[in-house]
């Protein structure tokens, strides 16, 4: 399926000078959504992945059905204060400040093989933090899978040496 024809483009969002690639048209169409999930899950159907970790919020939309498709558990990575019970946290640098992400303590067991899923890889800051949080719990990230990768702004380099599988690639 040619997802590029379905992905929306919104100029000057979220701020002036940014071209935003909008996956909502893909998510809203059952045929294209199912095809995207199948395409993202296909490389992992025979892997020994135990957990799919989805990054808030659109990583949930993709991660949960991918986990179901490959027979793995799903673990959400959320912003600070959104998960009940004991959590494992990691703070990381943003362009202008810091942010904190969390996962429920024990959600990832030592030795779990993990697929990290998000809608978009840009600078790689949140993905790198999620990888480090997964490692903190003893998990091993086998791959980062994204629907869209923006090139030229360091995301791939920041996530290295973890491999990245992108369905669509656009210049930033």
Protein backbone atom coordinates (compact mmCIF):
# COMPACT_ATOMS: atom_id res chain seq x y z
CA UNK A 1 0.00 0.00 0.00
CA UNK A 2 1.26 3.48 -0.81
CA UNK A 3 0.93 5.09 2.62
CA UNK A 4 2.57 8.28 1.35
CA UNK A 5 -0.59 9.07 -0.62
CA UNK A 6 -2.71 8.78 2.54
CA UNK A 7 -0.50 10.61 5.05
CA UNK A 8 -1.69 14.18 5.51
CA UNK A 9 0.57 17.20 5.46
CA UNK A 10 -0.07 20.21 7.66
CA UNK A 11 2.15 23.23 7.07
CA UNK A 12 3.24 25.34 10.07
CA UNK A 13 2.19 22.79 12.71
CA UNK A 14 2.92 22.68 15.60
CA UNK A 15 4.82 25.88 14.86
CA UNK A 16 5.72 28.06 11.90
CA UNK A 17 8.18 26.47 9.49
CA UNK A 18 7.32 22.86 10.41
CA UNK A 19 5.71 20.50 7.91
CA UNK A 20 3.75 18.00 10.02
CA UNK A 21 3.17 14.53 8.58
CA UNK A 22 -0.26 13.49 9.85
CA UNK A 23 -0.94 9.76 10.27
CA UNK A 24 -4.54 10.28 11.38
CA UNK A 25 -5.93 9.68 7.85
CA UNK A 26 -4.14 6.29 7.88
CA UNK A 27 -5.48 5.48 11.36
CA UNK A 28 -9.03 6.50 10.40
CA UNK A 29 -9.24 4.24 7.35
CA UNK A 30 -9.62 0.57 8.38
CA UNK A 31 -7.93 -0.80 5.25
CA UNK A 32 -4.85 1.43 5.47
CA UNK A 33 -4.63 1.10 9.26
CA UNK A 34 -4.72 -2.70 9.03
CA UNK A 35 -2.10 -2.61 6.26
CA UNK A 36 0.19 -0.35 8.30
CA UNK A 37 -0.02 -2.65 11.32
CA UNK A 38 0.67 -5.68 9.11
CA UNK A 39 3.68 -3.95 7.50
CA UNK A 40 5.13 -2.89 10.85
CA UNK A 41 4.55 -6.33 12.45
CA UNK A 42 5.78 -8.46 9.52
CA UNK A 43 9.53 -8.45 10.37
CA UNK A 44 8.81 -9.67 13.93
CA UNK A 45 6.32 -12.51 13.38
CA UNK A 46 8.92 -15.18 14.00
CA UNK A 47 11.05 -13.30 16.56
CA UNK A 48 11.12 -14.07 20.25
CA UNK A 49 9.88 -10.62 21.21
CA UNK A 50 8.23 -10.73 24.63
CA UNK A 51 7.09 -7.11 24.88
CA UNK A 52 6.13 -4.33 22.54
CA UNK A 53 6.69 -0.97 24.18
CA UNK A 54 4.66 1.94 22.82
CA UNK A 55 5.61 5.57 23.45
CA UNK A 56 2.80 7.92 24.46
CA UNK A 57 0.51 8.64 22.72
CA UNK A 58 0.50 7.55 19.08
CA UNK A 59 2.90 4.73 19.89
CA UNK A 60 -0.05 3.21 21.78
CA UNK A 61 -2.19 3.30 18.63
CA UNK A 62 0.43 1.30 16.73
CA UNK A 63 2.07 -0.71 19.50
CA UNK A 64 -0.96 -2.50 20.95
CA UNK A 65 -2.18 -4.04 17.66
CA UNK A 66 1.41 -4.92 16.69
CA UNK A 67 1.82 -6.72 20.04
CA UNK A 68 -1.41 -8.60 19.40
CA UNK A 69 -0.33 -9.52 15.87
CA UNK A 70 3.07 -10.92 16.95
CA UNK A 71 1.85 -12.56 20.18
CA UNK A 72 3.70 -10.28 22.60
CA UNK A 73 2.64 -8.27 25.64
CA UNK A 74 2.15 -4.51 25.40
CA UNK A 75 3.79 -2.00 27.76
CA UNK A 76 3.04 1.73 27.59
CA UNK A 77 5.74 4.33 28.22
CA UNK A 78 3.97 7.37 29.66
CA UNK A 79 4.74 10.85 30.81
CA UNK A 80 5.37 11.31 34.52
CA UNK A 81 2.41 10.82 36.82
CA UNK A 82 0.14 8.92 34.39
CA UNK A 83 0.70 5.33 35.56
CA UNK A 84 -0.66 3.76 38.75
CA UNK A 85 1.46 1.90 41.27
CA UNK A 86 5.23 1.70 41.46
CA UNK A 87 7.02 3.04 38.41
CA UNK A 88 10.50 3.22 36.98
CA UNK A 89 11.33 6.73 35.74
CA UNK A 90 13.91 8.36 33.54
CA UNK A 91 14.42 12.08 32.97
CA UNK A 92 16.02 13.29 29.76
CA UNK A 93 17.01 16.50 28.02
CA UNK A 94 14.78 18.24 25.54
CA UNK A 95 15.75 21.13 23.32
CA UNK A 96 14.51 23.55 25.99
CA UNK A 97 14.39 21.75 29.33
CA UNK A 98 13.77 18.22 30.55
CA UNK A 99 10.99 15.64 30.51
CA UNK A 100 10.37 12.42 32.41
CA UNK A 101 8.94 9.15 31.14
CA UNK A 102 7.81 6.19 33.18
CA UNK A 103 6.93 2.52 32.89
CA UNK A 104 5.28 0.38 35.56
CA UNK A 105 7.88 -1.37 37.68
CA UNK A 106 8.22 -5.00 36.65
CA UNK A 107 6.40 -4.56 33.34
CA UNK A 108 9.62 -5.52 31.56
CA UNK A 109 11.43 -8.50 33.02
CA UNK A 110 15.21 -8.93 32.90
CA UNK A 111 16.09 -10.57 29.59
CA UNK A 112 12.83 -9.62 27.84
CA UNK A 113 13.37 -8.98 24.15
CA UNK A 114 11.57 -5.72 23.31
CA UNK A 115 10.31 -3.99 20.18
CA UNK A 116 9.98 -0.22 20.73
CA UNK A 117 7.18 1.37 18.66
CA UNK A 118 6.27 4.97 17.95
CA UNK A 119 4.57 6.86 15.14
CA UNK A 120 7.53 9.10 14.33
CA UNK A 121 11.28 9.32 14.83
CA UNK A 122 12.63 12.85 14.60
CA UNK A 123 15.48 13.91 16.91
CA UNK A 124 15.39 10.56 18.72
CA UNK A 125 15.34 12.07 22.23
CA UNK A 126 12.25 10.28 23.49
CA UNK A 127 13.17 7.02 21.76
CA UNK A 128 16.67 7.12 23.32
CA UNK A 129 15.14 7.76 26.75
CA UNK A 130 12.69 4.88 26.27
CA UNK A 131 15.55 2.56 25.25
CA UNK A 132 17.48 3.57 28.37
CA UNK A 133 14.38 3.04 30.55
CA UNK A 134 13.83 -0.43 29.06
CA UNK A 135 17.50 -1.29 29.70
CA UNK A 136 17.14 0.02 33.27
CA UNK A 137 14.50 -2.68 33.80
CA UNK A 138 16.73 -5.35 32.24
CA UNK A 139 15.09 -5.51 28.81
CA UNK A 140 16.90 -5.74 25.50
CA UNK A 141 15.62 -3.50 22.70
CA UNK A 142 15.92 -5.42 19.42
CA UNK A 143 14.58 -2.67 17.17
CA UNK A 144 12.78 0.66 17.03
CA UNK A 145 9.84 0.48 14.63
CA UNK A 146 8.24 3.71 13.41
CA UNK A 147 5.71 4.62 10.77
CA UNK A 148 7.61 7.79 9.81
CA UNK A 149 11.27 8.73 10.15
CA UNK A 150 12.44 12.30 9.58
CA UNK A 151 16.04 12.37 8.37
CA UNK A 152 18.76 14.93 8.81
CA UNK A 153 18.06 15.82 12.44
CA UNK A 154 19.98 13.11 14.24
CA UNK A 155 17.31 10.63 15.30
CA UNK A 156 18.93 7.55 13.79
CA UNK A 157 22.32 8.49 15.25
CA UNK A 158 20.87 9.15 18.72
CA UNK A 159 19.13 5.77 18.84
CA UNK A 160 22.21 3.83 17.60
CA UNK A 161 23.28 1.12 17.89
CA UNK A 162 19.65 -0.07 18.07
CA UNK A 163 18.39 -0.70 14.52
CA UNK A 164 15.44 1.28 13.17
CA UNK A 165 12.72 0.03 10.83
CA UNK A 166 10.80 2.88 9.16
CA UNK A 167 7.84 2.51 6.83
CA UNK A 168 8.08 6.05 5.42
CA UNK A 169 11.15 8.31 5.36
CA UNK A 170 11.00 12.06 4.77
CA UNK A 171 13.60 14.82 4.99
CA UNK A 172 13.08 17.06 8.03
